[in-house]
Amino acid sequence: MKRFLILISLLMVVSRLLAMTESELTGSEDYIWGRGEAEDYEVAEQTALRNLSEQISVVVESSFWRQWEEINKTNMAGKV
């Protein structure tokens, strides 16, 4: 039992050491994050999701138009 408690304690310490801090996450260009603050958890979550989706919508729209243009160029080349 003593070994089990030592193992659990060690795992908890290691997991805390490997976790990212909020400043590391928000300052990194590798992650997209959203923030939501409210009295109610559900409202805060919806605000954070809205904030997050506003950041990624431009990337999705941009990719869609590139693919559409490439398809049209291929179709036009076949008709010539």
N, C-alpha and C. Protein backbone atom coordinates (compact mmCIF):
# COMPACT_ATOMS: atom_id res chain seq x y z
N MET A 1 0.83 -1.20 0.00
CA MET A 1 0.00 0.00 0.00
C MET A 1 0.87 1.26 0.00
N LYS A 2 1.97 1.19 0.73
CA LYS A 2 2.87 2.34 0.81
C LYS A 2 3.46 2.64 -0.56
N ARG A 3 3.84 1.60 -1.31
CA ARG A 3 4.39 1.80 -2.65
C ARG A 3 3.36 2.42 -3.60
N PHE A 4 2.14 1.97 -3.44
CA PHE A 4 1.06 2.51 -4.28
C PHE A 4 0.88 4.01 -4.04
N LEU A 5 0.88 4.44 -2.79
CA LEU A 5 0.74 5.86 -2.46
C LEU A 5 1.92 6.68 -2.96
N ILE A 6 3.11 6.10 -2.87
CA ILE A 6 4.30 6.79 -3.39
C ILE A 6 4.20 6.94 -4.90
N LEU A 7 3.75 5.89 -5.58
CA LEU A 7 3.61 5.93 -7.04
C LEU A 7 2.58 6.98 -7.45
N ILE A 8 1.45 7.02 -6.78
CA ILE A 8 0.41 8.01 -7.09
C ILE A 8 0.94 9.42 -6.84
N SER A 9 1.63 9.62 -5.76
CA SER A 9 2.20 10.94 -5.45
C SER A 9 3.21 11.36 -6.50
N LEU A 10 4.05 10.44 -6.92
CA LEU A 10 5.05 10.73 -7.94
C LEU A 10 4.39 11.09 -9.27
N LEU A 11 3.36 10.35 -9.65
CA LEU A 11 2.65 10.65 -10.89
C LEU A 11 1.99 12.03 -10.84
N MET A 12 1.46 12.40 -9.70
CA MET A 12 0.83 13.72 -9.57
C MET A 12 1.87 14.84 -9.71
N VAL A 13 3.04 14.65 -9.11
CA VAL A 13 4.10 15.66 -9.19
C VAL A 13 4.59 15.80 -10.62
N VAL A 14 4.82 14.68 -11.30
CA VAL A 14 5.32 14.71 -12.67
C VAL A 14 4.30 15.34 -13.60
N SER A 15 3.02 15.04 -13.43
CA SER A 15 2.00 15.63 -14.30
C SER A 15 1.93 17.14 -14.12
N ARG A 16 2.12 17.63 -12.92
CA ARG A 16 2.13 19.08 -12.70
C ARG A 16 3.34 19.74 -13.35
N LEU A 17 4.46 19.06 -13.36
CA LEU A 17 5.67 19.62 -13.97
C LEU A 17 5.56 19.69 -15.49
N LEU A 18 4.83 18.76 -16.10
CA LEU A 18 4.71 18.71 -17.55
C LEU A 18 3.57 19.56 -18.10
N ALA A 19 2.69 20.04 -17.24
CA ALA A 19 1.53 20.81 -17.69
C ALA A 19 1.95 22.21 -18.15
N MET A 20 1.21 22.74 -19.13
CA MET A 20 1.46 24.09 -19.62
C MET A 20 0.78 25.10 -18.71
N THR A 21 1.39 26.25 -18.56
CA THR A 21 0.75 27.33 -17.81
C THR A 21 -0.13 28.12 -18.78
N GLU A 22 -1.01 28.94 -18.23
CA GLU A 22 -1.89 29.75 -19.08
C GLU A 22 -1.08 30.71 -19.95
N SER A 23 -0.04 31.31 -19.40
CA SER A 23 0.76 32.24 -20.20
C SER A 23 1.52 31.53 -21.32
N GLU A 24 1.95 30.30 -21.11
CA GLU A 24 2.59 29.53 -22.18
C GLU A 24 1.60 29.22 -23.29
N LEU A 25 0.39 28.89 -22.91
CA LEU A 25 -0.64 28.55 -23.89
C LEU A 25 -1.06 29.78 -24.69
N THR A 26 -1.38 30.88 -24.02
CA THR A 26 -1.87 32.07 -24.72
C THR A 26 -0.77 32.77 -25.50
N GLY A 27 0.47 32.60 -25.11
CA GLY A 27 1.57 33.24 -25.82
C GLY A 27 2.12 32.42 -26.98
N SER A 28 1.68 31.20 -27.11
CA SER A 28 2.19 30.31 -28.15
C SER A 28 1.41 30.48 -29.44
N GLU A 29 2.09 30.39 -30.57
CA GLU A 29 1.42 30.42 -31.87
C GLU A 29 1.00 29.02 -32.31
N ASP A 30 1.31 28.01 -31.50
CA ASP A 30 0.96 26.63 -31.83
C ASP A 30 -0.47 26.28 -31.44
N TYR A 31 -1.11 27.11 -30.63
CA TYR A 31 -2.45 26.81 -30.12
C TYR A 31 -3.41 27.95 -30.39
N ILE A 32 -4.66 27.61 -30.61
CA ILE A 32 -5.74 28.60 -30.69
C ILE A 32 -6.59 28.39 -29.45
N TRP A 33 -6.92 29.44 -28.76
CA TRP A 33 -7.67 29.31 -27.52
C TRP A 33 -8.78 30.35 -27.46
N GLY A 34 -9.78 30.06 -26.66
CA GLY A 34 -10.88 30.99 -26.47
C GLY A 34 -11.09 31.24 -25.00
N ARG A 35 -11.56 32.43 -24.68
CA ARG A 35 -11.78 32.79 -23.28
C ARG A 35 -13.23 33.19 -23.10
N GLY A 36 -13.82 32.71 -22.03
CA GLY A 36 -15.20 33.08 -21.70
C GLY A 36 -15.35 33.26 -20.21
N GLU A 37 -15.90 34.39 -19.81
CA GLU A 37 -16.11 34.67 -18.40
C GLU A 37 -17.57 35.03 -18.17
N ALA A 38 -18.19 34.40 -17.18
CA ALA A 38 -19.58 34.68 -16.85
C ALA A 38 -19.89 34.11 -15.47
N GLU A 39 -21.02 34.49 -14.93
CA GLU A 39 -21.47 33.95 -13.64
C GLU A 39 -21.85 32.48 -13.78
N ASP A 40 -22.37 32.11 -14.93
CA ASP A 40 -22.86 30.75 -15.18
C ASP A 40 -21.84 29.99 -16.03
N TYR A 41 -21.58 28.73 -15.70
CA TYR A 41 -20.59 27.94 -16.42
C TYR A 41 -20.95 27.78 -17.89
N GLU A 42 -22.22 27.49 -18.18
CA GLU A 42 -22.64 27.27 -19.56
C GLU A 42 -22.46 28.52 -20.42
N VAL A 43 -22.76 29.69 -19.85
CA VAL A 43 -22.59 30.95 -20.58
C VAL A 43 -21.10 31.20 -20.84
N ALA A 44 -20.27 30.94 -19.86
CA ALA A 44 -18.82 31.12 -20.03
C ALA A 44 -18.29 30.17 -21.09
N GLU A 45 -18.77 28.94 -21.09
CA GLU A 45 -18.33 27.97 -22.09
C GLU A 45 -18.75 28.39 -23.50
N GLN A 46 -19.98 28.85 -23.66
CA GLN A 46 -20.45 29.31 -24.96
C GLN A 46 -19.67 30.53 -25.45
N THR A 47 -19.35 31.43 -24.54
CA THR A 47 -18.55 32.61 -24.89
C THR A 47 -17.15 32.19 -25.35
N ALA A 48 -16.55 31.25 -24.64
CA ALA A 48 -15.21 30.77 -25.02
C ALA A 48 -15.26 30.06 -26.38
N LEU A 49 -16.29 29.26 -26.61
CA LEU A 49 -16.41 28.57 -27.90
C LEU A 49 -16.63 29.56 -29.04
N ARG A 50 -17.42 30.60 -28.80
CA ARG A 50 -17.64 31.62 -29.83
C ARG A 50 -16.34 32.35 -30.12
N ASN A 51 -15.59 32.69 -29.08
CA ASN A 51 -14.31 33.36 -29.25
C ASN A 51 -13.34 32.48 -30.03
N LEU A 52 -13.33 31.21 -29.74
CA LEU A 52 -12.46 30.26 -30.43
C LEU A 52 -12.86 30.11 -31.89
N SER A 53 -14.14 29.97 -32.17
CA SER A 53 -14.59 29.76 -33.55
C SER A 53 -14.36 31.00 -34.40
N GLU A 54 -14.39 32.18 -33.81
CA GLU A 54 -14.11 33.40 -34.58
C GLU A 54 -12.67 33.42 -35.06
N GLN A 55 -11.78 32.80 -34.34
CA GLN A 55 -10.37 32.78 -34.72
C GLN A 55 -10.08 31.78 -35.84
N ILE A 56 -10.86 30.73 -35.95
CA ILE A 56 -10.55 29.69 -36.95
C ILE A 56 -11.42 29.80 -38.20
N SER A 57 -12.46 30.59 -38.20
CA SER A 57 -13.35 30.63 -39.36
C SER A 57 -12.66 31.17 -40.61
N VAL A 58 -11.74 32.08 -40.48
CA VAL A 58 -11.05 32.64 -41.64
C VAL A 58 -10.20 31.57 -42.31
N VAL A 59 -9.55 30.72 -41.56
CA VAL A 59 -8.71 29.68 -42.12
C VAL A 59 -9.55 28.70 -42.94
N VAL A 60 -10.70 28.33 -42.44
CA VAL A 60 -11.57 27.38 -43.14
C VAL A 60 -12.08 28.01 -44.43
N GLU A 61 -12.51 29.23 -44.39
CA GLU A 61 -13.03 29.92 -45.58
C GLU A 61 -11.94 30.07 -46.62
N SER A 62 -10.75 30.42 -46.21
CA SER A 62 -9.64 30.59 -47.13
C SER A 62 -9.29 29.27 -47.83
N SER A 63 -9.28 28.19 -47.10
CA SER A 63 -8.96 26.89 -47.69
C SER A 63 -10.03 26.47 -48.69
N PHE A 64 -11.29 26.75 -48.39
CA PHE A 64 -12.38 26.38 -49.27
C PHE A 64 -12.24 27.07 -50.63
N TRP A 65 -11.95 28.35 -50.63
CA TRP A 65 -11.85 29.07 -51.90
C TRP A 65 -10.67 28.60 -52.73
N ARG A 66 -9.57 28.25 -52.11
CA ARG A 66 -8.43 27.74 -52.85
C ARG A 66 -8.78 26.45 -53.57
N GLN A 67 -9.46 25.56 -52.89
CA GLN A 67 -9.85 24.29 -53.50
C GLN A 67 -10.83 24.53 -54.64
N TRP A 68 -11.76 25.44 -54.49
CA TRP A 68 -12.75 25.73 -55.52
C TRP A 68 -12.07 26.26 -56.78
N GLU A 69 -11.09 27.14 -56.63
CA GLU A 69 -10.38 27.68 -57.78
C GLU A 69 -9.59 26.59 -58.51
N GLU A 70 -8.96 25.69 -57.77
CA GLU A 70 -8.19 24.62 -58.40
C GLU A 70 -9.10 23.68 -59.19
N ILE A 71 -10.27 23.38 -58.67
CA ILE A 71 -11.21 22.51 -59.37
C ILE A 71 -11.66 23.18 -60.67
N ASN A 72 -11.99 24.45 -60.63
CA ASN A 72 -12.43 25.16 -61.83
C ASN A 72 -11.33 25.25 -62.87
N LYS A 73 -10.10 25.44 -62.48
CA LYS A 73 -8.99 25.49 -63.44
C LYS A 73 -8.81 24.14 -64.13
N THR A 74 -8.99 23.06 -63.39
CA THR A 74 -8.87 21.71 -63.97
C THR A 74 -9.99 21.48 -64.97
N ASN A 75 -11.21 21.88 -64.63
CA ASN A 75 -12.35 21.69 -65.53
C ASN A 75 -12.18 22.54 -66.79
N MET A 76 -11.70 23.74 -66.67
CA MET A 76 -11.53 24.61 -67.83
C MET A 76 -10.45 24.08 -68.75
N ALA A 77 -9.40 23.48 -68.22
CA ALA A 77 -8.31 22.96 -69.05
C ALA A 77 -8.80 21.77 -69.87
N GLY A 78 -9.71 20.97 -69.34
CA GLY A 78 -10.22 19.82 -70.06
C GLY A 78 -11.12 20.21 -71.22
N LYS A 79 -11.75 21.39 -71.19
CA LYS A 79 -12.68 21.83 -72.25
C LYS A 79 -11.97 22.49 -73.42
N VAL A 80 -10.73 22.88 -73.25
CA VAL A 80 -10.02 23.60 -74.30
C VAL A 80 -9.58 22.69 -75.39
